[in-house]
Amino acid sequence: MIETLNPVDPAPGGSEPLWLTEQEQDAWLQIATIAMQLPGVLEAQLQRDAGIGFFEYSVLSWLSMAEHRTVRMSELAELSRGSLSRLSNVVKRLEQRDLVRRAPDPTNGRYTNAVLTDAGWECVVQAAPGHVDAVRQFIFDPLSAAQVQSLREVGGLIADRIRTGLRSAADPAGVAAVDSSCCEAADPA
């Protein structure tokens, strides 16, 4: 089976991959643990305290910080680090709960704005203290001020690389076909 994966480039000319050093592997395992477990911890806290998920909170939070509590959907997708289709589905659910409404952009009718309602504002106000406590507990409390600065710098470098890769992945010429047959379940026959 051929599957499209991005933004990873294959090793040049079929050469042996540049395997991780022991130090790199240890660092990678720490990042993988954070990437896999932190979203669930934050999701559980927000569900318990406010009845919303992490992505929903992110959307509401960005709207709460915007002028007139209004952001174009395309911009909100970028801010909340989600695709436009994912955002559209989430905004639809938030509309059903009267936390957000959609409205045509008065400056350009081709765009749609997401607008935080008063109920949405109250939801963010209620959810924010617990969310900040969880972020502080799991991320910042174990770190010194110097480590927070290092995390900011290193996280920025990694996030920039990921965003660059995602943008290039949107370019069809950058798509690499990868043989994923090694990852498929073996045929029991």
Protein backbone atom coordinates (compact mmCIF):
# COMPACT_ATOMS: atom_id res chain seq x y z
CA MET A 1 0.00 0.00 0.00
CA ILE A 2 1.31 3.46 -0.89
CA GLU A 3 0.53 6.21 1.62
CA THR A 4 1.31 9.91 1.48
CA LEU A 5 3.25 11.20 4.46
CA ASN A 6 4.52 14.73 4.94
CA PRO A 7 6.74 16.59 5.58
CA VAL A 8 9.43 13.90 5.98
CA ASP A 9 11.92 13.66 3.14
CA PRO A 10 13.34 10.18 2.43
CA ALA A 11 17.03 9.49 2.94
CA PRO A 12 18.91 10.60 -0.19
CA GLY A 13 19.63 7.91 -2.75
CA GLY A 14 18.46 5.06 -0.53
CA SER A 15 21.31 5.68 1.92
CA GLU A 16 21.19 4.49 5.52
CA PRO A 17 19.16 6.81 7.78
CA LEU A 18 21.08 9.04 10.16
CA TRP A 19 20.03 7.23 13.35
CA LEU A 20 19.49 9.17 16.57
CA THR A 21 22.29 9.33 19.09
CA GLU A 22 21.53 8.10 22.60
CA GLN A 23 21.12 11.71 23.78
CA GLU A 24 18.82 12.55 20.84
CA GLN A 25 16.77 9.43 21.45
CA ASP A 26 16.34 10.33 25.14
CA ALA A 27 15.29 13.87 24.18
CA TRP A 28 12.91 12.55 21.53
CA LEU A 29 11.24 10.17 24.01
CA GLN A 30 10.65 13.09 26.40
CA ILE A 31 9.10 15.18 23.62
CA ALA A 32 6.98 12.22 22.49
CA THR A 33 5.70 11.73 26.03
CA ILE A 34 4.71 15.40 26.22
CA ALA A 35 3.12 15.32 22.75
CA MET A 36 1.07 12.22 23.54
CA GLN A 37 0.11 12.74 27.17
CA LEU A 38 -0.18 16.50 27.77
CA PRO A 39 -3.17 17.04 25.43
CA GLY A 40 -5.13 14.34 27.31
CA VAL A 41 -4.31 15.88 30.69
CA LEU A 42 -5.41 19.35 29.52
CA GLU A 43 -8.49 17.91 27.78
CA ALA A 44 -9.57 16.07 30.95
CA GLN A 45 -9.17 19.18 33.11
CA LEU A 46 -11.20 21.34 30.71
CA GLN A 47 -13.94 18.71 30.32
CA ARG A 48 -14.16 18.31 34.10
CA ASP A 49 -14.15 22.03 34.91
CA ALA A 50 -15.96 23.60 31.94
CA GLY A 51 -17.47 20.84 29.78
CA ILE A 52 -15.37 21.79 26.75
CA GLY A 53 -12.39 20.22 25.00
CA PHE A 54 -8.92 21.68 24.58
CA PHE A 55 -9.44 22.71 20.95
CA GLU A 56 -12.80 24.27 21.80
CA TYR A 57 -11.15 26.18 24.64
CA SER A 58 -8.42 27.37 22.29
CA VAL A 59 -11.02 28.71 19.85
CA LEU A 60 -12.99 30.46 22.60
CA SER A 61 -9.81 31.84 24.15
CA TRP A 62 -8.57 33.37 20.88
CA LEU A 63 -11.98 34.93 20.33
CA SER A 64 -11.99 36.32 23.88
CA MET A 65 -8.70 38.13 23.22
CA ALA A 66 -9.73 39.56 19.85
CA GLU A 67 -11.06 43.05 19.22
CA HIS A 68 -14.87 42.94 19.46
CA ARG A 69 -14.44 39.20 20.24
CA THR A 70 -14.50 38.60 16.48
CA VAL A 71 -12.04 36.81 14.18
CA ARG A 72 -12.26 35.66 10.56
CA MET A 73 -12.64 31.89 10.40
CA SER A 74 -9.49 31.47 8.28
CA GLU A 75 -7.43 33.48 10.76
CA LEU A 76 -8.97 31.65 13.72
CA ALA A 77 -7.98 28.32 12.17
CA GLU A 78 -4.36 29.51 12.06
CA LEU A 79 -4.44 30.92 15.57
CA SER A 80 -5.95 27.77 17.05
CA ARG A 81 -3.57 25.54 15.05
CA GLY A 82 -6.37 23.62 13.35
CA SER A 83 -7.57 23.11 9.82
CA LEU A 84 -10.42 25.22 8.52
CA SER A 85 -12.64 22.12 8.25
CA ARG A 86 -11.90 21.09 11.86
CA LEU A 87 -12.56 24.64 13.02
CA SER A 88 -15.82 24.76 11.08
CA ASN A 89 -17.02 21.57 12.79
CA VAL A 90 -16.05 22.86 16.22
CA VAL A 91 -17.65 26.27 15.63
CA LYS A 92 -20.84 24.47 14.56
CA ARG A 93 -20.88 22.62 17.89
CA LEU A 94 -20.10 25.83 19.77
CA GLU A 95 -22.94 27.59 17.91
CA GLN A 96 -25.34 24.86 19.03
CA ARG A 97 -24.37 25.68 22.63
CA ASP A 98 -24.74 29.45 21.96
CA LEU A 99 -21.04 30.06 22.75
CA VAL A 100 -20.15 31.35 19.26
CA ARG A 101 -22.05 32.69 16.28
CA ARG A 102 -20.99 33.13 12.68
CA ALA A 103 -21.55 36.32 10.75
CA PRO A 104 -20.49 37.68 7.35
CA ASP A 105 -17.43 39.90 7.52
CA PRO A 106 -18.78 43.45 7.09
CA THR A 107 -15.58 44.56 5.31
CA ASN A 108 -15.59 41.68 2.81
CA GLY A 109 -18.63 39.46 2.33
CA ARG A 110 -16.49 36.61 0.98
CA TYR A 111 -15.29 35.95 4.52
CA THR A 112 -17.09 34.62 7.57
CA ASN A 113 -16.34 35.80 11.08
CA ALA A 114 -16.64 33.84 14.29
CA VAL A 115 -18.04 35.95 17.11
CA LEU A 116 -17.85 35.06 20.80
CA THR A 117 -21.25 35.39 22.47
CA ASP A 118 -21.78 36.53 26.06
CA ALA A 119 -22.30 32.87 27.03
CA GLY A 120 -19.01 32.02 25.29
CA TRP A 121 -17.27 34.79 27.21
CA GLU A 122 -18.62 33.40 30.48
CA CYS A 123 -17.45 29.91 29.50
CA VAL A 124 -13.89 31.18 28.90
CA VAL A 125 -13.90 33.19 32.14
CA GLN A 126 -15.00 30.07 34.02
CA ALA A 127 -12.54 27.73 32.28
CA ALA A 128 -9.41 29.92 32.25
CA PRO A 129 -8.32 29.67 35.92
CA GLY A 130 -8.34 25.86 35.95
CA HIS A 131 -6.64 25.70 32.57
CA VAL A 132 -3.88 28.09 33.65
CA ASP A 133 -3.42 26.09 36.86
CA ALA A 134 -3.04 22.86 34.85
CA VAL A 135 -0.57 24.45 32.41
CA ARG A 136 1.42 25.86 35.32
CA GLN A 137 1.36 22.54 37.22
CA PHE A 138 2.43 20.34 34.32
CA ILE A 139 4.72 22.67 32.39
CA PHE A 140 6.08 25.64 34.32
CA ASP A 141 6.23 24.62 38.01
CA PRO A 142 9.04 22.05 37.48
CA LEU A 143 11.17 24.61 35.56
CA SER A 144 13.46 27.46 36.59
CA ALA A 145 13.15 30.87 34.89
CA ALA A 146 16.18 30.02 32.74
CA GLN A 147 14.63 26.70 31.73
CA VAL A 148 11.38 28.45 30.77
CA GLN A 149 13.38 30.76 28.51
CA SER A 150 15.20 27.76 27.00
CA LEU A 151 11.88 25.97 26.50
CA ARG A 152 10.51 29.06 24.77
CA GLU A 153 13.51 29.22 22.42
CA VAL A 154 13.69 25.49 21.68
CA GLY A 155 9.91 25.17 21.38
CA GLY A 156 9.90 28.11 18.96
CA LEU A 157 12.53 26.51 16.76
CA ILE A 158 10.67 23.19 16.66
CA ALA A 159 7.27 24.86 16.09
CA ASP A 160 8.70 26.97 13.25
CA ARG A 161 10.12 23.84 11.60
CA ILE A 162 6.78 22.06 11.93
CA ARG A 163 4.84 25.03 10.52
CA THR A 164 7.29 25.31 7.61
CA GLY A 165 6.90 21.59 6.92
CA LEU A 166 3.13 21.81 7.07
CA ARG A 167 3.11 24.72 4.61
CA SER A 168 5.37 22.82 2.21
CA ALA A 169 3.21 19.71 2.65
CA ALA A 170 0.29 21.69 1.26
CA ASP A 171 2.31 22.02 -1.96
CA PRO A 172 1.54 18.93 -4.08
CA ALA A 173 5.05 19.01 -5.54
CA GLY A 174 6.40 18.44 -2.02
CA VAL A 175 4.36 15.27 -1.45
CA ALA A 176 6.44 12.14 -0.98
CA ALA A 177 4.97 8.69 -1.51
CA VAL A 178 6.15 6.26 1.14
CA ASP A 179 5.85 2.51 0.99
CA SER A 180 4.10 1.70 4.28
CA SER A 181 3.88 -2.06 3.64
CA CYS A 182 6.31 -2.62 6.51
CA CYS A 183 3.74 -1.13 8.87
CA GLU A 184 0.71 -3.10 7.73
CA ALA A 185 -0.56 -6.05 9.72
CA ALA A 186 0.69 -9.38 8.44
CA ASP A 187 -1.76 -11.42 6.40
CA PRO A 188 -2.89 -14.29 8.66
CA ALA A 189 -3.35 -16.66 5.68
